[in-house]
Amino acid sequence: MAFKRAKSLDNGISISWYEQTWNKDILAKTPLKTADFELLKRLGIKSLRLPVAFAYFESQQTPFGQLFSHIDKFVKQCHAYGFKVIIDYHNGNFNDNNYNTETPKLIDLWTKLTKRYLHVNHDDLFFELYNEPPHMNPETWKDAAYNITTAIRKIDKERTLIIGASNYNSIYELSRFVRLADENVIYTFHFYEPFLFTHQGAEWIGAQESTTGVPFPYNQATFPALNTRAKNTDGEKNYNKYKLDGNEQSVRDKLQIVKSWAARYDVPILCGEYGVYNKYADIDSRCRYIKTVRQSLKTLNIPGMLWDYNTNFSIFNGAPSVNNLPDCMKDAIGYGAQK
């Protein structure tokens, strides 16, 4: 059942809105209009992932009912258009130091969610327990995931849960993870390899990603000089490795790491995020990268979800519309093949 449900999430995309803690209009608007649902349907999108900054809303003393009325509406709209939905706990505070206080908060939140959506078809709605657990003791995170899962199962044994490894849903950490004793779990990872390309110029990462103009695949003739701000950082290490990492074969090899892990434990996996920060990467390179990842995932029979629909990783050149979808991106996401 979990394998079948994982497959139904393929060709998905994240809807960035309710995790935008910097956005003063976060509950003043809804993330998608009717035209957006129709466009997503037209593009062949099958599933929508809704990240929600639950801890932030709690810190702002937002009434529980107010937030959940927004999520309720989103779930109902998705059902009307035939989209699968993932409710994702985003921007949490969990770490090695606060495990004892944060785990009960997570259990309380997921208990409320589980009860609230108990009536929603289990084939249509999924719970992602925690987005990108930080770099921490992996056993501490696994213990928390086990405790949250156990609490959910006391109420709902049929809901499929989505769980990733620590170190920000790292493929490498997942490859060391020991599966939970629960048959109804999809294991997720995020794929932004090579990071030098996908996050070039990303201001929130800092100096290590200050080198811009990085092409995909690697091309010696157009490869930029290292930005001096990136010297003596991980960005310099990634820069020096890019001639080895910046190609299709490297993408496939890295995805094979998690595919092999899933085969060893006989569990379904999901690439919950992949994409490219679109401010500095050229459109042709972005298209080539997204096509490479998408085709590699399909070859390995791993469902994948883009990050994201309409913010700084958007596949569109401007506001979401078919007219603002570059021809190379139509090819990258298989739009022409779906017509």
Protein backbone atom coordinates (compact mmCIF):
# COMPACT_ATOMS: atom_id res chain seq x y z
CA MET A 1 0.00 0.00 0.00
CA ALA A 2 2.77 2.45 0.90
CA PHE A 3 4.54 1.73 -2.41
CA LYS A 4 1.33 2.40 -4.33
CA ARG A 5 0.69 5.62 -2.46
CA ALA A 6 4.28 6.78 -2.96
CA LYS A 7 3.92 6.29 -6.71
CA SER A 8 0.76 8.45 -6.69
CA LEU A 9 2.85 11.40 -5.45
CA ASP A 10 5.03 11.52 -8.58
CA ASN A 11 5.09 14.72 -10.65
CA GLY A 12 4.45 16.76 -7.51
CA ILE A 13 5.32 20.30 -6.47
CA SER A 14 5.53 22.25 -3.22
CA ILE A 15 3.29 25.25 -2.64
CA SER A 16 5.31 27.83 -0.75
CA TRP A 17 3.12 30.09 1.40
CA TYR A 18 2.26 28.93 4.92
CA GLU A 19 5.93 28.41 5.76
CA GLN A 20 6.82 32.00 4.83
CA THR A 21 7.36 33.34 8.34
CA TRP A 22 8.58 36.66 6.90
CA ASN A 23 5.30 37.22 5.04
CA LYS A 24 2.91 39.54 6.89
CA ASP A 25 0.02 38.42 4.65
CA ILE A 26 0.55 34.75 5.43
CA LEU A 27 -3.03 34.19 6.63
CA ALA A 28 -4.59 37.11 4.77
CA LYS A 29 -4.57 35.29 1.44
CA THR A 30 -4.86 31.75 0.13
CA PRO A 31 -1.84 30.30 -1.67
CA LEU A 32 -3.66 29.14 -4.80
CA LYS A 33 -6.51 30.55 -6.87
CA THR A 34 -8.77 28.60 -9.20
CA ALA A 35 -6.51 29.49 -12.15
CA ASP A 36 -3.53 27.98 -10.31
CA PHE A 37 -5.28 24.66 -9.74
CA GLU A 38 -6.31 24.57 -13.39
CA LEU A 39 -2.76 25.38 -14.53
CA LEU A 40 -1.24 22.70 -12.29
CA LYS A 41 -3.71 20.19 -13.66
CA ARG A 42 -2.86 21.19 -17.21
CA LEU A 43 0.88 20.76 -16.50
CA GLY A 44 0.30 17.18 -15.38
CA ILE A 45 1.05 17.80 -11.70
CA LYS A 46 -0.34 14.96 -9.56
CA SER A 47 0.42 16.01 -5.98
CA LEU A 48 0.83 19.18 -3.94
CA ARG A 49 2.99 19.50 -0.84
CA LEU A 50 1.92 22.16 1.65
CA PRO A 51 4.70 23.25 4.03
CA VAL A 52 3.32 24.86 7.20
CA ALA A 53 5.35 26.70 9.86
CA PHE A 54 3.32 25.34 12.76
CA ALA A 55 5.83 26.39 15.45
CA TYR A 56 5.83 29.96 14.11
CA PHE A 57 2.05 30.22 14.23
CA GLU A 58 2.11 28.90 17.78
CA SER A 59 4.74 31.48 18.76
CA GLN A 60 2.50 34.20 17.27
CA GLN A 61 -0.42 32.84 19.33
CA THR A 62 -2.41 32.30 16.15
CA PRO A 63 -5.68 30.56 17.06
CA PHE A 64 -5.51 26.89 16.17
CA GLY A 65 -8.85 27.04 14.36
CA GLN A 66 -7.83 30.01 12.23
CA LEU A 67 -4.77 28.27 10.82
CA PHE A 68 -6.55 24.99 10.31
CA SER A 69 -9.47 26.54 8.47
CA HIS A 70 -6.92 27.59 5.81
CA ILE A 71 -5.46 24.11 5.60
CA ASP A 72 -8.96 22.60 5.51
CA LYS A 73 -9.82 24.76 2.52
CA PHE A 74 -6.63 23.77 0.71
CA VAL A 75 -7.26 20.07 1.30
CA LYS A 76 -10.83 20.39 -0.01
CA GLN A 77 -9.72 22.32 -3.09
CA CYS A 78 -7.09 19.70 -3.86
CA HIS A 79 -9.69 16.96 -3.52
CA ALA A 80 -11.97 18.79 -5.95
CA TYR A 81 -9.18 18.91 -8.55
CA GLY A 82 -7.91 15.40 -7.90
CA PHE A 83 -4.55 16.30 -6.34
CA LYS A 84 -2.88 14.24 -3.63
CA VAL A 85 -1.84 16.39 -0.65
CA ILE A 86 1.09 16.32 1.76
CA ILE A 87 0.81 18.38 4.93
CA ASP A 88 4.41 19.11 5.88
CA TYR A 89 5.65 20.32 9.27
CA HIS A 90 8.06 23.06 8.21
CA ASN A 91 10.49 25.42 9.98
CA GLY A 92 10.56 23.58 13.28
CA ASN A 93 12.89 24.16 16.25
CA PHE A 94 13.92 20.56 16.96
CA ASN A 95 17.59 19.92 17.74
CA ASP A 96 19.93 17.90 19.95
CA ASN A 97 19.52 20.26 22.87
CA ASN A 98 15.72 20.54 23.11
CA TYR A 99 14.64 17.00 22.26
CA ASN A 100 12.86 16.49 25.58
CA THR A 101 10.72 19.60 25.25
CA GLU A 102 10.15 19.66 21.47
CA THR A 103 9.10 16.03 20.98
CA PRO A 104 5.96 16.39 23.15
CA LYS A 105 5.03 19.54 21.18
CA LEU A 106 5.37 17.65 17.91
CA ILE A 107 3.31 14.76 19.28
CA ASP A 108 0.60 17.16 20.43
CA LEU A 109 0.43 18.88 17.03
CA TRP A 110 0.32 15.62 15.06
CA THR A 111 -2.31 14.24 17.42
CA LYS A 112 -4.53 17.21 16.62
CA LEU A 113 -3.88 16.87 12.89
CA THR A 114 -4.53 13.14 12.93
CA LYS A 115 -7.87 13.55 14.66
CA ARG A 116 -8.89 16.45 12.46
CA TYR A 117 -8.24 14.60 9.18
CA LEU A 118 -9.20 11.11 10.26
CA HIS A 119 -12.17 11.20 7.86
CA VAL A 120 -10.08 12.22 4.80
CA ASN A 121 -9.33 9.43 2.32
CA HIS A 122 -6.03 7.80 3.23
CA ASP A 123 -5.08 7.55 -0.45
CA ASP A 124 -5.36 11.32 -0.85
CA LEU A 125 -3.74 12.88 2.22
CA PHE A 126 -0.25 12.29 3.65
CA PHE A 127 1.56 13.57 6.74
CA GLU A 128 5.23 14.60 6.54
CA LEU A 129 6.38 14.57 10.15
CA TYR A 130 9.21 17.10 9.96
CA ASN A 131 10.91 18.95 7.14
CA GLU A 132 14.69 18.75 7.11
CA PRO A 133 15.67 17.70 10.64
CA PRO A 134 18.95 19.56 11.26
CA HIS A 135 22.49 18.26 11.49
CA MET A 136 22.24 16.37 14.77
CA ASN A 137 22.58 12.98 16.40
CA PRO A 138 20.64 10.77 13.95
CA GLU A 139 19.55 8.46 16.76
CA THR A 140 17.94 11.36 18.60
CA TRP A 141 15.91 12.25 15.53
CA LYS A 142 14.97 8.63 14.87
CA ASP A 143 13.77 8.27 18.46
CA ALA A 144 11.56 11.35 18.03
CA ALA A 145 10.20 10.06 14.70
CA TYR A 146 9.37 6.73 16.36
CA ASN A 147 7.56 8.47 19.23
CA ILE A 148 5.54 10.71 16.90
CA THR A 149 4.65 7.76 14.68
CA THR A 150 3.55 5.72 17.72
CA ALA A 151 1.27 8.55 18.86
CA ILE A 152 -0.32 8.84 15.41
CA ARG A 153 -0.86 5.09 15.18
CA LYS A 154 -2.89 5.10 18.39
CA ILE A 155 -5.47 7.17 16.47
CA ASP A 156 -4.97 6.26 12.82
CA LYS A 157 -3.24 3.12 11.61
CA GLU A 158 -3.95 3.77 7.92
CA ARG A 159 -2.49 7.23 7.28
CA THR A 160 0.74 6.99 5.29
CA LEU A 161 3.52 8.96 6.96
CA ILE A 162 6.50 10.58 5.26
CA ILE A 163 9.77 10.62 7.20
CA GLY A 164 13.25 11.80 6.27
CA ALA A 165 16.67 11.55 7.87
CA SER A 166 18.56 14.22 9.79
CA ASN A 167 21.10 16.60 8.25
CA TYR A 168 18.34 18.27 6.24
CA ASN A 169 16.88 15.17 4.59
CA SER A 170 20.33 14.26 3.31
CA ILE A 171 20.68 11.35 0.92
CA TYR A 172 23.80 10.32 2.79
CA GLU A 173 22.13 10.36 6.19
CA LEU A 174 19.19 8.42 4.80
CA SER A 175 21.60 5.80 3.48
CA ARG A 176 22.69 5.23 7.09
CA PHE A 177 19.18 5.31 8.55
CA VAL A 178 17.60 2.15 9.94
CA ARG A 179 13.95 1.96 8.91
CA LEU A 180 11.19 2.19 11.47
CA ALA A 181 9.14 -0.87 12.40
CA ASP A 182 6.13 0.49 10.55
CA GLU A 183 5.01 -0.74 7.13
CA ASN A 184 3.07 2.40 6.24
CA VAL A 185 5.93 4.89 5.89
CA ILE A 186 7.42 6.57 2.83
CA TYR A 187 11.01 7.73 3.36
CA THR A 188 11.84 11.10 1.89
CA PHE A 189 15.02 12.88 0.85
CA HIS A 190 15.79 16.24 -0.70
CA PHE A 191 18.03 16.44 -3.73
CA TYR A 192 19.95 19.62 -4.52
CA GLU A 193 23.16 18.03 -5.75
CA PRO A 194 25.43 19.60 -6.82
CA PHE A 195 24.73 22.39 -4.33
CA LEU A 196 27.21 24.74 -6.04
CA PHE A 197 24.84 24.83 -9.02
CA THR A 198 21.37 24.58 -7.45
CA HIS A 199 21.96 27.23 -4.77
CA GLN A 200 24.35 29.58 -6.56
CA GLY A 201 23.96 33.10 -5.21
CA ALA A 202 21.45 32.05 -2.54
CA GLU A 203 21.66 34.89 -0.05
CA TRP A 204 20.37 32.87 2.91
CA ILE A 205 23.21 30.35 2.54
CA GLY A 206 25.94 32.96 2.79
CA ALA A 207 29.44 33.37 1.38
CA GLN A 208 29.92 29.73 0.40
CA GLU A 209 27.33 30.09 -2.38
CA SER A 210 28.50 33.50 -3.62
CA THR A 211 29.92 32.09 -6.88
CA THR A 212 27.38 32.64 -9.67
CA GLY A 213 27.21 31.86 -13.38
CA VAL A 214 27.78 28.14 -12.73
CA PRO A 215 26.54 26.13 -15.74
CA PHE A 216 25.01 22.66 -15.82
CA PRO A 217 26.56 20.47 -16.93
CA TYR A 218 30.12 21.58 -16.16
CA ASN A 219 31.71 23.42 -19.05
CA GLN A 220 35.32 24.47 -18.64
CA ALA A 221 34.93 27.27 -21.20
CA THR A 222 32.06 28.96 -19.31
CA PHE A 223 32.91 27.95 -15.74
CA PRO A 224 33.25 31.15 -13.66
CA ALA A 225 36.08 32.09 -11.35
CA LEU A 226 35.56 31.36 -7.65
CA ASN A 227 34.06 34.34 -5.85
CA THR A 228 36.65 35.54 -3.36
CA ARG A 229 34.00 35.50 -0.61
CA ALA A 230 33.76 31.71 -0.99
CA LYS A 231 37.44 31.08 -0.27
CA ASN A 232 38.09 28.73 2.65
CA THR A 233 34.44 27.63 2.79
CA ASP A 234 32.58 24.50 1.74
CA GLY A 235 31.76 26.47 -1.38
CA GLU A 236 35.42 26.37 -2.41
CA LYS A 237 35.52 22.61 -1.88
CA ASN A 238 32.36 22.19 -3.98
CA TYR A 239 33.80 24.51 -6.64
CA ASN A 240 36.92 22.37 -6.94
CA LYS A 241 34.83 19.19 -7.24
CA TYR A 242 32.32 20.56 -9.74
CA LYS A 243 34.10 19.22 -12.82
CA LEU A 244 33.35 15.78 -11.32
CA ASP A 245 29.94 16.52 -9.79
CA GLY A 246 28.37 18.76 -12.41
CA ASN A 247 27.07 16.17 -14.86
CA GLU A 248 24.22 13.74 -15.50
CA GLN A 249 26.15 10.64 -14.45
CA SER A 250 26.94 12.12 -11.06
CA VAL A 251 23.26 12.93 -10.49
CA ARG A 252 22.28 9.36 -11.33
CA ASP A 253 25.03 7.90 -9.15
CA LYS A 254 23.93 9.93 -6.13
CA LEU A 255 20.28 9.03 -6.58
CA GLN A 256 21.33 5.40 -6.80
CA ILE A 257 22.61 5.69 -3.21
CA VAL A 258 19.09 6.13 -1.84
CA LYS A 259 17.59 3.68 -4.32
CA SER A 260 19.97 1.00 -3.10
CA TRP A 261 19.12 1.80 0.53
CA ALA A 262 15.38 1.51 -0.22
CA ALA A 263 15.90 -1.82 -1.95
CA ARG A 264 17.87 -3.14 1.02
CA TYR A 265 15.03 -2.36 3.44
CA ASP A 266 12.22 -2.92 0.91
CA VAL A 267 10.63 0.48 1.60
CA PRO A 268 9.23 3.18 -0.71
CA ILE A 269 11.09 6.46 -1.09
CA LEU A 270 10.19 9.95 -2.32
CA CYS A 271 12.31 12.80 -3.57
CA GLY A 272 10.37 15.43 -1.63
CA GLU A 273 12.25 18.42 -3.08
CA TYR A 274 14.46 19.15 -6.06
CA GLY A 275 14.96 22.31 -8.07
CA VAL A 276 17.19 25.31 -8.76
CA TYR A 277 17.34 28.80 -7.26
CA ASN A 278 16.40 30.83 -10.30
CA LYS A 279 17.94 34.26 -9.64
CA TYR A 280 21.40 33.55 -11.04
CA ALA A 281 21.36 30.19 -12.84
CA ASP A 282 20.77 30.57 -16.59
CA ILE A 283 17.52 29.13 -17.92
CA ASP A 284 19.13 26.55 -20.22
CA SER A 285 21.20 25.13 -17.37
CA ARG A 286 18.15 25.07 -15.09
CA CYS A 287 16.17 23.19 -17.73
CA ARG A 288 18.97 20.70 -18.31
CA TYR A 289 19.32 20.08 -14.58
CA ILE A 290 15.61 19.62 -13.88
CA LYS A 291 15.27 17.32 -16.90
CA THR A 292 18.28 15.31 -15.72
CA VAL A 293 16.93 14.87 -12.20
CA ARG A 294 13.40 14.15 -13.39
CA GLN A 295 14.51 11.52 -15.90
CA SER A 296 16.94 9.94 -13.45
CA LEU A 297 14.18 9.65 -10.85
CA LYS A 298 11.88 8.04 -13.40
CA THR A 299 14.58 5.59 -14.50
CA LEU A 300 15.04 4.57 -10.85
CA ASN A 301 11.28 4.50 -10.24
CA ILE A 302 11.48 7.17 -7.54
CA PRO A 303 8.58 9.65 -7.37
CA GLY A 304 9.69 13.29 -7.32
CA MET A 305 8.38 16.69 -6.27
CA LEU A 306 9.70 20.06 -7.41
CA TRP A 307 10.46 22.95 -5.11
CA ASP A 308 8.55 25.12 -5.82
CA TYR A 309 5.53 26.49 -7.66
CA ASN A 310 5.80 30.27 -7.66
CA THR A 311 8.66 31.68 -5.57
CA ASN A 312 12.43 31.79 -6.03
CA PHE A 313 12.77 28.21 -7.31
CA SER A 314 9.84 28.55 -9.72
CA ILE A 315 10.01 26.88 -13.11
CA PHE A 316 8.22 29.87 -14.67
CA ASN A 317 9.72 33.03 -16.13
CA GLY A 318 7.43 35.37 -14.21
CA ALA A 319 3.96 34.65 -12.85
CA PRO A 320 2.79 31.04 -13.27
CA SER A 321 1.24 30.47 -16.69
CA VAL A 322 1.87 28.30 -19.72
CA ASN A 323 2.98 31.42 -21.61
CA ASN A 324 5.65 32.04 -18.94
CA LEU A 325 6.93 28.47 -19.07
CA PRO A 326 10.06 28.47 -21.28
CA ASP A 327 10.09 25.90 -24.08
CA CYS A 328 13.08 24.12 -22.56
CA MET A 329 11.24 23.87 -19.22
CA LYS A 330 8.17 22.44 -20.95
CA ASP A 331 10.48 19.75 -22.28
CA ALA A 332 12.18 19.33 -18.88
CA ILE A 333 8.93 18.61 -17.03
CA GLY A 334 7.44 16.58 -19.86
CA TYR A 335 4.67 19.04 -20.62
CA GLY A 336 4.68 18.46 -24.37
CA ALA A 337 4.47 14.70 -23.87
CA GLN A 338 1.31 15.11 -21.78
CA LYS A 339 -0.65 17.13 -24.33
